């Protein structure tokens, strides 16, 4: 049976049973500026691992910690299907490898992953915002963004600093706009 026929059968079965589809798909982009794109599939076993991150997320703060880990899992699973596993934090440790990602790739992919979490009903305390930019011209930098539903502020969800599979760095938006970096990471000492 072809992948298309299996997908159609899975959707029909899910509709008949009144449950959500067992598989999710997402488009990830890479090779700087979303030059290349690939569709990745997250099966139900993978999604259960992602969902498990939210079991103890009973506050907005705990949910942000959970979504940082969930995004790491989604990047890990995407790296099993695409060359993004070759990416290294920042832009300078990648060389010319296929699968490298700049902040545009990361902010796009992370926003896609956050939207998946919303579709699955796993984000109770946050909505997904549009990607956000800091700096201008040669020093611009992009990040995904979430907004606390309780009016508790906006947060940058930045995966660019890190290797795929590491939990996202999450900062209050103004702190990120002011140039925040994850602890232990520095452009000058890590080439990132």
N, C-alpha and C. Protein backbone atom coordinates (compact mmCIF):
# COMPACT_ATOMS: atom_id res chain seq x y z
N UNK A 1 0.86 -1.17 0.00
CA UNK A 1 0.00 0.00 0.00
C UNK A 1 0.90 1.23 0.00
N UNK A 2 0.62 2.21 -0.84
CA UNK A 2 1.44 3.42 -0.93
C UNK A 2 1.26 4.28 0.32
N UNK A 3 2.22 5.20 0.53
CA UNK A 3 2.15 6.12 1.68
C UNK A 3 0.87 6.94 1.60
N UNK A 4 0.49 7.40 0.41
CA UNK A 4 -0.72 8.21 0.26
C UNK A 4 -1.96 7.40 0.65
N UNK A 5 -2.00 6.15 0.21
CA UNK A 5 -3.16 5.30 0.55
C UNK A 5 -3.20 5.02 2.04
N UNK A 6 -2.03 4.78 2.65
CA UNK A 6 -1.98 4.55 4.10
C UNK A 6 -2.43 5.78 4.86
N UNK A 7 -1.98 6.95 4.42
CA UNK A 7 -2.37 8.19 5.08
C UNK A 7 -3.86 8.42 4.98
N UNK A 8 -4.41 8.20 3.79
CA UNK A 8 -5.85 8.36 3.59
C UNK A 8 -6.63 7.38 4.45
N UNK A 9 -6.17 6.14 4.54
CA UNK A 9 -6.83 5.14 5.37
C UNK A 9 -6.76 5.53 6.84
N UNK A 10 -5.63 6.06 7.28
CA UNK A 10 -5.48 6.48 8.68
C UNK A 10 -6.42 7.63 9.01
N UNK A 11 -6.54 8.59 8.09
CA UNK A 11 -7.46 9.71 8.31
C UNK A 11 -8.89 9.21 8.37
N UNK A 12 -9.26 8.32 7.46
CA UNK A 12 -10.63 7.78 7.45
C UNK A 12 -10.92 7.03 8.74
N UNK A 13 -9.98 6.22 9.20
CA UNK A 13 -10.16 5.49 10.44
C UNK A 13 -10.29 6.44 11.62
N UNK A 14 -9.46 7.47 11.65
CA UNK A 14 -9.52 8.44 12.74
C UNK A 14 -10.86 9.16 12.75
N UNK A 15 -11.34 9.55 11.59
CA UNK A 15 -12.63 10.21 11.52
C UNK A 15 -13.76 9.28 11.96
N UNK A 16 -13.67 8.04 11.57
CA UNK A 16 -14.69 7.07 11.94
C UNK A 16 -14.69 6.82 13.44
N UNK A 17 -13.55 6.86 14.07
CA UNK A 17 -13.44 6.60 15.51
C UNK A 17 -13.58 7.86 16.34
N UNK A 18 -13.60 9.03 15.68
CA UNK A 18 -13.73 10.28 16.41
C UNK A 18 -12.47 10.71 17.13
N UNK A 19 -11.32 10.20 16.74
CA UNK A 19 -10.06 10.60 17.38
C UNK A 19 -9.19 11.34 16.38
N UNK A 20 -8.12 11.93 16.89
CA UNK A 20 -7.21 12.64 15.99
C UNK A 20 -6.34 11.65 15.23
N UNK A 21 -5.79 12.10 14.11
CA UNK A 21 -4.92 11.24 13.31
C UNK A 21 -3.72 10.81 14.14
N UNK A 22 -3.26 9.60 13.91
CA UNK A 22 -2.15 9.04 14.68
C UNK A 22 -0.82 9.61 14.26
N UNK A 23 -0.73 10.17 13.08
CA UNK A 23 0.53 10.67 12.56
C UNK A 23 0.39 12.16 12.27
N UNK A 24 1.44 12.90 12.51
CA UNK A 24 1.50 14.32 12.15
C UNK A 24 2.60 14.49 11.13
N UNK A 25 2.44 15.45 10.26
CA UNK A 25 3.52 15.79 9.34
C UNK A 25 3.81 17.27 9.47
N UNK A 26 5.02 17.62 9.13
CA UNK A 26 5.45 19.01 9.18
C UNK A 26 6.50 19.23 8.10
N UNK A 27 6.57 20.45 7.64
CA UNK A 27 7.61 20.83 6.68
C UNK A 27 8.72 21.50 7.47
N UNK A 28 9.94 20.98 7.33
CA UNK A 28 11.11 21.63 7.93
C UNK A 28 11.97 22.20 6.81
N UNK A 29 12.62 23.31 7.13
CA UNK A 29 13.48 23.91 6.12
C UNK A 29 14.90 24.02 6.66
N UNK A 30 15.86 24.12 5.75
CA UNK A 30 17.27 24.11 6.13
C UNK A 30 18.11 24.64 4.99
N UNK A 31 19.40 24.67 5.21
CA UNK A 31 20.42 25.17 4.27
C UNK A 31 20.35 26.68 4.09
N UNK A 32 20.00 27.38 5.18
CA UNK A 32 20.03 28.83 5.31
C UNK A 32 18.96 29.51 4.45
N UNK A 33 18.15 30.27 5.12
CA UNK A 33 17.09 31.01 4.45
C UNK A 33 15.99 30.11 3.91
N UNK A 34 15.83 28.93 4.49
CA UNK A 34 14.82 27.95 4.04
C UNK A 34 15.00 27.60 2.57
N UNK A 35 16.27 27.51 2.15
CA UNK A 35 16.58 27.17 0.76
C UNK A 35 16.01 25.80 0.38
N UNK A 36 16.13 24.81 1.29
CA UNK A 36 15.63 23.47 1.04
C UNK A 36 14.56 23.13 2.07
N UNK A 37 13.59 22.31 1.64
CA UNK A 37 12.49 21.91 2.52
C UNK A 37 12.24 20.42 2.38
N UNK A 38 11.74 19.83 3.47
CA UNK A 38 11.40 18.41 3.45
C UNK A 38 10.19 18.19 4.37
N UNK A 39 9.37 17.23 4.01
CA UNK A 39 8.25 16.85 4.86
C UNK A 39 8.74 15.76 5.80
N UNK A 40 8.46 15.94 7.09
CA UNK A 40 8.80 14.92 8.09
C UNK A 40 7.50 14.40 8.69
N UNK A 41 7.54 13.16 9.15
CA UNK A 41 6.37 12.52 9.74
C UNK A 41 6.69 12.14 11.18
N UNK A 42 5.77 12.43 12.07
CA UNK A 42 5.90 12.06 13.47
C UNK A 42 4.84 11.01 13.75
N UNK A 43 5.28 9.78 14.03
CA UNK A 43 4.32 8.72 14.30
C UNK A 43 3.80 8.84 15.74
N UNK A 44 2.80 8.04 16.06
CA UNK A 44 2.15 8.16 17.36
C UNK A 44 3.13 7.86 18.51
N UNK A 45 4.04 6.92 18.33
CA UNK A 45 5.02 6.62 19.38
C UNK A 45 5.90 7.84 19.66
N UNK A 46 6.34 8.51 18.61
CA UNK A 46 7.16 9.71 18.78
C UNK A 46 6.35 10.82 19.45
N UNK A 47 5.11 10.97 19.00
CA UNK A 47 4.26 12.02 19.58
C UNK A 47 3.95 11.77 21.06
N UNK A 48 3.86 10.51 21.44
CA UNK A 48 3.65 10.20 22.87
C UNK A 48 4.85 10.64 23.70
N UNK A 49 6.05 10.51 23.15
CA UNK A 49 7.24 10.98 23.86
C UNK A 49 7.21 12.50 24.01
N UNK A 50 6.74 13.17 22.97
CA UNK A 50 6.63 14.63 23.02
C UNK A 50 5.56 15.01 24.05
N UNK A 51 4.41 14.37 23.98
CA UNK A 51 3.31 14.68 24.89
C UNK A 51 3.71 14.47 26.35
N UNK A 52 4.52 13.46 26.61
CA UNK A 52 4.95 13.16 27.98
C UNK A 52 5.65 14.35 28.64
N UNK A 53 6.22 15.23 27.85
CA UNK A 53 6.90 16.40 28.41
C UNK A 53 5.93 17.31 29.16
N UNK A 54 4.65 17.22 28.82
CA UNK A 54 3.65 18.15 29.37
C UNK A 54 2.89 17.58 30.57
N UNK A 55 3.21 16.36 30.99
CA UNK A 55 2.46 15.72 32.09
C UNK A 55 2.45 16.54 33.38
N UNK A 56 3.57 17.15 33.69
CA UNK A 56 3.68 17.92 34.94
C UNK A 56 3.63 19.43 34.70
N UNK A 57 3.17 19.84 33.54
CA UNK A 57 3.16 21.27 33.18
C UNK A 57 1.85 21.91 33.64
N UNK A 58 1.80 22.24 34.93
CA UNK A 58 0.57 22.77 35.53
C UNK A 58 0.61 24.28 35.71
N UNK A 59 1.69 24.92 35.28
CA UNK A 59 1.81 26.37 35.37
C UNK A 59 2.40 26.87 34.05
N UNK A 60 2.27 28.16 33.75
CA UNK A 60 2.89 28.68 32.53
C UNK A 60 4.40 28.46 32.50
N UNK A 61 5.06 28.62 33.64
CA UNK A 61 6.52 28.42 33.70
C UNK A 61 6.89 26.97 33.38
N UNK A 62 6.15 26.04 33.99
CA UNK A 62 6.42 24.62 33.73
C UNK A 62 6.11 24.26 32.28
N UNK A 63 5.09 24.89 31.70
CA UNK A 63 4.77 24.61 30.31
C UNK A 63 5.88 25.11 29.39
N UNK A 64 6.48 26.26 29.71
CA UNK A 64 7.60 26.74 28.88
C UNK A 64 8.78 25.77 28.96
N UNK A 65 9.07 25.23 30.13
CA UNK A 65 10.13 24.24 30.25
C UNK A 65 9.79 22.99 29.44
N UNK A 66 8.53 22.58 29.49
CA UNK A 66 8.09 21.40 28.74
C UNK A 66 8.18 21.64 27.25
N UNK A 67 7.77 22.82 26.79
CA UNK A 67 7.81 23.05 25.34
C UNK A 67 9.24 23.15 24.84
N UNK A 68 10.17 23.60 25.69
CA UNK A 68 11.59 23.61 25.30
C UNK A 68 12.06 22.19 25.03
N UNK A 69 11.68 21.25 25.89
CA UNK A 69 12.05 19.84 25.70
C UNK A 69 11.29 19.23 24.52
N UNK A 70 10.01 19.57 24.38
CA UNK A 70 9.20 19.02 23.29
C UNK A 70 9.77 19.41 21.93
N UNK A 71 10.18 20.67 21.80
CA UNK A 71 10.79 21.12 20.54
C UNK A 71 12.08 20.35 20.28
N UNK A 72 12.84 20.07 21.33
CA UNK A 72 14.07 19.27 21.17
C UNK A 72 13.75 17.89 20.62
N UNK A 73 12.72 17.24 21.16
CA UNK A 73 12.31 15.93 20.66
C UNK A 73 11.91 16.02 19.18
N UNK A 74 11.14 17.04 18.83
CA UNK A 74 10.68 17.17 17.44
C UNK A 74 11.86 17.39 16.50
N UNK A 75 12.85 18.19 16.91
CA UNK A 75 14.06 18.34 16.09
C UNK A 75 14.81 17.02 15.98
N UNK A 76 14.90 16.27 17.08
CA UNK A 76 15.57 14.97 17.05
C UNK A 76 14.89 14.05 16.03
N UNK A 77 13.56 13.96 16.09
CA UNK A 77 12.84 13.10 15.16
C UNK A 77 12.95 13.61 13.72
N UNK A 78 12.94 14.92 13.53
CA UNK A 78 13.12 15.48 12.18
C UNK A 78 14.51 15.16 11.66
N UNK A 79 15.51 15.15 12.55
CA UNK A 79 16.87 14.82 12.15
C UNK A 79 17.05 13.37 11.74
N UNK A 80 16.15 12.50 12.15
CA UNK A 80 16.21 11.11 11.71
C UNK A 80 15.72 10.96 10.27
N UNK A 81 15.03 11.97 9.76
CA UNK A 81 14.44 11.90 8.42
C UNK A 81 15.05 12.90 7.44
N UNK A 82 15.83 13.83 7.94
CA UNK A 82 16.40 14.89 7.10
C UNK A 82 17.84 15.13 7.55
N UNK A 83 18.59 15.92 6.78
CA UNK A 83 19.97 16.19 7.19
C UNK A 83 20.11 17.25 8.28
N UNK A 84 19.02 17.73 8.90
CA UNK A 84 19.15 18.79 9.91
C UNK A 84 19.93 18.33 11.14
N UNK A 85 20.12 17.03 11.31
CA UNK A 85 20.91 16.54 12.44
C UNK A 85 22.36 17.03 12.36
N UNK A 86 22.79 17.44 11.16
CA UNK A 86 24.17 17.91 10.98
C UNK A 86 24.38 19.35 11.46
N UNK A 87 23.29 20.07 11.68
CA UNK A 87 23.38 21.47 12.11
C UNK A 87 24.09 21.57 13.45
N UNK A 88 24.82 22.64 13.65
CA UNK A 88 25.45 22.95 14.92
C UNK A 88 25.00 24.34 15.34
N UNK A 89 24.91 24.57 16.64
CA UNK A 89 24.44 25.85 17.14
C UNK A 89 25.16 27.02 16.49
N UNK A 90 24.41 28.08 16.19
CA UNK A 90 24.96 29.25 15.51
C UNK A 90 25.16 28.97 14.03
N UNK A 91 25.92 29.84 13.39
CA UNK A 91 26.14 29.69 11.95
C UNK A 91 27.56 29.28 11.59
N UNK A 92 28.49 29.29 12.54
CA UNK A 92 29.89 29.15 12.16
C UNK A 92 30.48 27.77 12.36
N UNK A 93 29.79 26.89 13.06
CA UNK A 93 30.31 25.56 13.30
C UNK A 93 29.80 24.55 12.27
N UNK A 94 28.96 25.00 11.34
CA UNK A 94 28.34 24.12 10.36
C UNK A 94 29.19 23.85 9.14
N UNK A 95 30.02 24.80 8.79
CA UNK A 95 30.70 24.69 7.51
C UNK A 95 29.67 24.76 6.39
N UNK A 96 29.85 23.95 5.40
CA UNK A 96 28.93 23.92 4.26
C UNK A 96 28.08 22.66 4.24
N UNK A 97 27.87 22.02 5.39
CA UNK A 97 27.16 20.75 5.42
C UNK A 97 25.72 20.90 4.99
N UNK A 98 25.23 19.89 4.30
CA UNK A 98 23.82 19.82 3.97
C UNK A 98 23.05 19.61 5.27
N UNK A 99 22.06 20.45 5.53
CA UNK A 99 21.28 20.36 6.75
C UNK A 99 21.54 21.50 7.73
N UNK A 100 22.51 22.36 7.42
CA UNK A 100 22.80 23.48 8.31
C UNK A 100 21.58 24.41 8.37
N UNK A 101 21.43 25.09 9.49
CA UNK A 101 20.29 25.99 9.66
C UNK A 101 20.74 27.33 10.24
N UNK A 102 20.22 28.39 9.67
CA UNK A 102 20.44 29.72 10.24
C UNK A 102 19.21 30.07 11.08
N UNK A 103 19.17 31.28 11.61
CA UNK A 103 18.08 31.65 12.50
C UNK A 103 16.74 31.72 11.78
N UNK A 104 16.75 31.97 10.48
CA UNK A 104 15.49 31.96 9.72
C UNK A 104 14.94 30.54 9.65
N UNK A 105 15.79 29.58 9.35
CA UNK A 105 15.37 28.17 9.35
C UNK A 105 14.85 27.78 10.73
N UNK A 106 15.62 28.11 11.77
CA UNK A 106 15.24 27.72 13.13
C UNK A 106 13.93 28.36 13.56
N UNK A 107 13.76 29.66 13.32
CA UNK A 107 12.52 30.32 13.76
C UNK A 107 11.32 29.77 13.00
N UNK A 108 11.50 29.45 11.73
CA UNK A 108 10.42 28.87 10.93
C UNK A 108 10.06 27.47 11.43
N UNK A 109 11.07 26.62 11.60
CA UNK A 109 10.82 25.24 12.05
C UNK A 109 10.25 25.21 13.46
N UNK A 110 10.80 26.02 14.35
CA UNK A 110 10.31 26.02 15.73
C UNK A 110 8.86 26.49 15.77
N UNK A 111 8.51 27.49 14.98
CA UNK A 111 7.11 27.94 14.91
C UNK A 111 6.23 26.82 14.40
N UNK A 112 6.68 26.09 13.40
CA UNK A 112 5.94 24.93 12.89
C UNK A 112 5.73 23.90 13.99
N UNK A 113 6.77 23.61 14.76
CA UNK A 113 6.65 22.64 15.85
C UNK A 113 5.71 23.14 16.94
N UNK A 114 5.77 24.42 17.26
CA UNK A 114 4.86 24.98 18.26
C UNK A 114 3.41 24.88 17.79
N UNK A 115 3.18 25.14 16.50
CA UNK A 115 1.83 24.99 15.95
C UNK A 115 1.34 23.55 16.08
N UNK A 116 2.23 22.58 15.89
CA UNK A 116 1.88 21.17 16.07
C UNK A 116 1.44 20.92 17.52
N UNK A 117 2.16 21.49 18.48
CA UNK A 117 1.80 21.33 19.89
C UNK A 117 0.41 21.91 20.18
N UNK A 118 0.10 23.03 19.54
CA UNK A 118 -1.23 23.63 19.71
C UNK A 118 -2.29 22.72 19.10
N UNK A 119 -2.06 22.23 17.89
CA UNK A 119 -3.04 21.33 17.24
C UNK A 119 -3.34 20.11 18.09
N UNK A 120 -2.32 19.61 18.77
CA UNK A 120 -2.51 18.42 19.60
C UNK A 120 -3.13 18.75 20.95
N UNK A 121 -3.29 20.04 21.26
CA UNK A 121 -3.90 20.45 22.51
C UNK A 121 -2.97 20.40 23.70
N UNK A 122 -1.66 20.45 23.47
CA UNK A 122 -0.68 20.31 24.55
C UNK A 122 -0.24 21.64 25.14
N UNK A 123 -0.53 22.75 24.48
CA UNK A 123 -0.21 24.06 25.05
C UNK A 123 -1.49 24.65 25.62
N UNK A 124 -1.58 24.69 26.93
CA UNK A 124 -2.76 25.24 27.60
C UNK A 124 -2.55 26.68 28.02
N UNK A 125 -1.30 27.05 28.30
CA UNK A 125 -1.02 28.37 28.87
C UNK A 125 -0.43 29.36 27.87
N UNK A 126 -0.16 28.91 26.65
CA UNK A 126 0.50 29.77 25.66
C UNK A 126 -0.15 29.64 24.29
N UNK A 127 -0.12 30.74 23.55
CA UNK A 127 -0.47 30.76 22.14
C UNK A 127 0.82 30.99 21.36
N UNK A 128 0.80 30.62 20.10
CA UNK A 128 1.97 30.81 19.25
C UNK A 128 1.87 32.17 18.56
N UNK A 129 2.92 32.96 18.68
CA UNK A 129 2.98 34.25 18.01
C UNK A 129 3.78 34.15 16.73
N UNK A 130 3.81 35.23 16.00
CA UNK A 130 4.64 35.31 14.79
C UNK A 130 6.11 35.34 15.18
N UNK A 131 7.00 34.82 14.34
CA UNK A 131 8.43 34.94 14.63
C UNK A 131 8.80 36.41 14.86
N UNK A 132 9.83 36.61 15.64
CA UNK A 132 10.24 37.96 16.02
C UNK A 132 11.70 38.17 15.61
N UNK A 133 12.03 39.42 15.31
CA UNK A 133 13.38 39.78 14.86
C UNK A 133 14.00 40.79 15.82
N UNK A 134 15.31 40.63 16.06
CA UNK A 134 16.06 41.65 16.79
C UNK A 134 17.23 42.08 15.91
N UNK A 135 17.66 43.31 16.09
CA UNK A 135 18.76 43.83 15.29
C UNK A 135 18.30 44.16 13.88
N UNK A 136 19.22 44.62 13.09
CA UNK A 136 18.92 44.97 11.71
C UNK A 136 20.13 44.70 10.83
N UNK A 137 19.88 44.58 9.57
CA UNK A 137 20.89 44.42 8.54
C UNK A 137 21.80 43.23 8.80
N UNK A 138 23.08 43.43 9.02
CA UNK A 138 24.01 42.31 9.16
C UNK A 138 23.94 41.64 10.53
N UNK A 139 23.28 42.27 11.50
CA UNK A 139 23.22 41.68 12.83
C UNK A 139 21.81 41.22 13.20
N UNK A 140 20.95 41.03 12.23
CA UNK A 140 19.58 40.63 12.58
C UNK A 140 19.55 39.17 13.00
N UNK A 141 18.58 38.86 13.85
CA UNK A 141 18.43 37.51 14.38
C UNK A 141 16.94 37.27 14.61
N UNK A 142 16.48 36.07 14.24
CA UNK A 142 15.06 35.71 14.33
C UNK A 142 14.85 34.60 15.35
N UNK A 143 13.65 34.59 15.93
CA UNK A 143 13.27 33.54 16.87
C UNK A 143 11.77 33.28 16.77
N UNK A 144 11.36 32.08 17.15
CA UNK A 144 9.94 31.79 17.33
C UNK A 144 9.48 32.51 18.60
N UNK A 145 8.15 32.61 18.76
CA UNK A 145 7.62 33.34 19.91
C UNK A 145 6.35 32.68 20.42
N UNK A 146 6.18 32.68 21.74
CA UNK A 146 4.92 32.28 22.36
C UNK A 146 4.43 33.43 23.23
N UNK A 147 3.10 33.45 23.42
CA UNK A 147 2.46 34.49 24.21
C UNK A 147 1.68 33.81 25.32
N UNK A 148 1.92 34.24 26.56
CA UNK A 148 1.20 33.67 27.70
C UNK A 148 -0.27 34.09 27.62
N UNK A 149 -1.17 33.13 27.72
CA UNK A 149 -2.60 33.41 27.62
C UNK A 149 -3.12 34.21 28.81
N UNK A 150 -2.42 34.16 29.95
CA UNK A 150 -2.88 34.86 31.15
C UNK A 150 -2.38 36.30 31.22
N UNK A 151 -1.82 36.79 30.11
CA UNK A 151 -1.29 38.15 30.11
C UNK A 151 0.10 38.23 30.72
N UNK A 152 0.73 37.08 30.96
CA UNK A 152 2.03 37.03 31.61
C UNK A 152 3.21 37.34 30.71
N UNK A 153 2.97 37.85 29.52
CA UNK A 153 4.06 38.28 28.67
C UNK A 153 4.28 37.42 27.45
N UNK A 154 5.31 37.80 26.70
CA UNK A 154 5.71 37.09 25.49
C UNK A 154 7.12 36.55 25.71
N UNK A 155 7.42 35.46 24.99
CA UNK A 155 8.69 34.79 25.19
C UNK A 155 9.27 34.35 23.84
N UNK A 156 10.56 34.57 23.68
CA UNK A 156 11.29 34.05 22.51
C UNK A 156 11.62 32.59 22.78
N UNK A 157 11.40 31.74 21.78
CA UNK A 157 11.73 30.32 21.85
C UNK A 157 12.80 30.11 20.79
N UNK A 158 14.06 30.15 21.22
CA UNK A 158 15.18 30.23 20.28
C UNK A 158 15.99 28.94 20.29
N UNK A 159 16.03 28.27 19.14
CA UNK A 159 16.80 27.03 19.00
C UNK A 159 18.09 27.23 18.21
N UNK A 160 18.30 28.41 17.66
CA UNK A 160 19.46 28.67 16.80
C UNK A 160 20.79 28.51 17.54
N UNK A 161 20.82 28.87 18.82
CA UNK A 161 22.06 28.80 19.59
C UNK A 161 22.55 27.38 19.80
N UNK A 162 21.67 26.41 19.64
CA UNK A 162 21.89 25.04 20.12
C UNK A 162 21.92 24.03 18.99
N UNK A 163 22.48 22.87 19.27
CA UNK A 163 22.43 21.77 18.32
C UNK A 163 21.03 21.15 18.35
N UNK A 164 20.56 20.60 17.22
CA UNK A 164 19.24 19.95 17.22
C UNK A 164 19.19 18.85 18.29
N UNK A 165 18.07 18.82 19.01
CA UNK A 165 17.90 17.85 20.08
C UNK A 165 18.18 18.42 21.46
N UNK A 166 18.76 19.63 21.53
CA UNK A 166 18.93 20.30 22.81
C UNK A 166 17.68 21.14 23.08
N UNK A 167 17.24 21.22 24.35
CA UNK A 167 16.05 22.03 24.65
C UNK A 167 16.23 23.47 24.21
N UNK A 168 15.15 24.04 23.70
CA UNK A 168 15.18 25.42 23.23
C UNK A 168 15.53 26.38 24.37
N UNK A 169 16.18 27.47 24.01
CA UNK A 169 16.43 28.56 24.97
C UNK A 169 15.19 29.45 24.95
N UNK A 170 14.62 29.70 26.12
CA UNK A 170 13.42 30.53 26.20
C UNK A 170 13.73 31.73 27.09
N UNK A 171 13.44 32.92 26.55
CA UNK A 171 13.70 34.17 27.24
C UNK A 171 12.45 35.03 27.24
N UNK A 172 12.23 35.83 28.31
CA UNK A 172 11.21 36.88 28.18
C UNK A 172 11.56 37.70 26.94
N UNK A 173 10.55 38.07 26.18
CA UNK A 173 10.79 38.68 24.88
C UNK A 173 11.69 39.91 24.96
N UNK A 174 11.45 40.81 25.91
CA UNK A 174 12.27 42.02 25.98
C UNK A 174 13.73 41.69 26.28
N UNK A 175 13.96 40.70 27.14
CA UNK A 175 15.33 40.27 27.44
C UNK A 175 16.00 39.75 26.17
N UNK A 176 15.26 38.96 25.37
CA UNK A 176 15.81 38.45 24.11
C UNK A 176 16.08 39.60 23.14
N UNK A 177 15.13 40.55 23.04
CA UNK A 177 15.32 41.70 22.15
C UNK A 177 16.54 42.53 22.54
N UNK A 178 16.86 42.52 23.84
CA UNK A 178 18.02 43.25 24.33
C UNK A 178 19.33 42.48 24.12
N UNK A 179 19.27 41.29 23.50
CA UNK A 179 20.48 40.57 23.14
C UNK A 179 20.83 39.36 23.97
N UNK A 180 19.88 38.81 24.72
CA UNK A 180 20.16 37.66 25.59
C UNK A 180 20.69 36.46 24.80
N UNK A 181 21.59 35.72 25.45
CA UNK A 181 22.15 34.47 24.94
C UNK A 181 21.99 33.42 26.03
N UNK A 182 21.93 32.15 25.69
CA UNK A 182 21.87 31.11 26.73
C UNK A 182 23.15 31.12 27.57
N UNK A 183 23.05 30.76 28.85
CA UNK A 183 24.25 30.69 29.69
C UNK A 183 25.29 29.77 29.06
N UNK A 184 26.53 30.19 29.13
CA UNK A 184 27.62 29.36 28.62
C UNK A 184 27.81 29.44 27.12
N UNK A 185 26.96 30.18 26.43
CA UNK A 185 27.10 30.34 24.97
C UNK A 185 27.53 31.77 24.68
N UNK A 186 28.48 31.91 23.81
CA UNK A 186 28.96 33.24 23.45
C UNK A 186 29.40 33.21 21.99
N UNK A 187 29.08 34.24 21.28
CA UNK A 187 29.51 34.34 19.88
C UNK A 187 31.03 34.25 19.79
N UNK A 188 31.72 34.92 20.69
CA UNK A 188 33.17 35.01 20.59
C UNK A 188 33.87 33.76 21.07
N UNK A 189 33.35 33.08 22.07
CA UNK A 189 34.06 31.91 22.60
C UNK A 189 33.61 30.60 21.97
N UNK A 190 32.43 30.56 21.39
CA UNK A 190 31.93 29.33 20.79
C UNK A 190 31.74 29.42 19.28
N UNK A 191 32.08 30.57 18.71
CA UNK A 191 31.87 30.72 17.27
C UNK A 191 30.41 30.64 16.91
N UNK A 192 29.56 30.99 17.85
CA UNK A 192 28.11 30.89 17.63
C UNK A 192 27.47 32.21 17.87
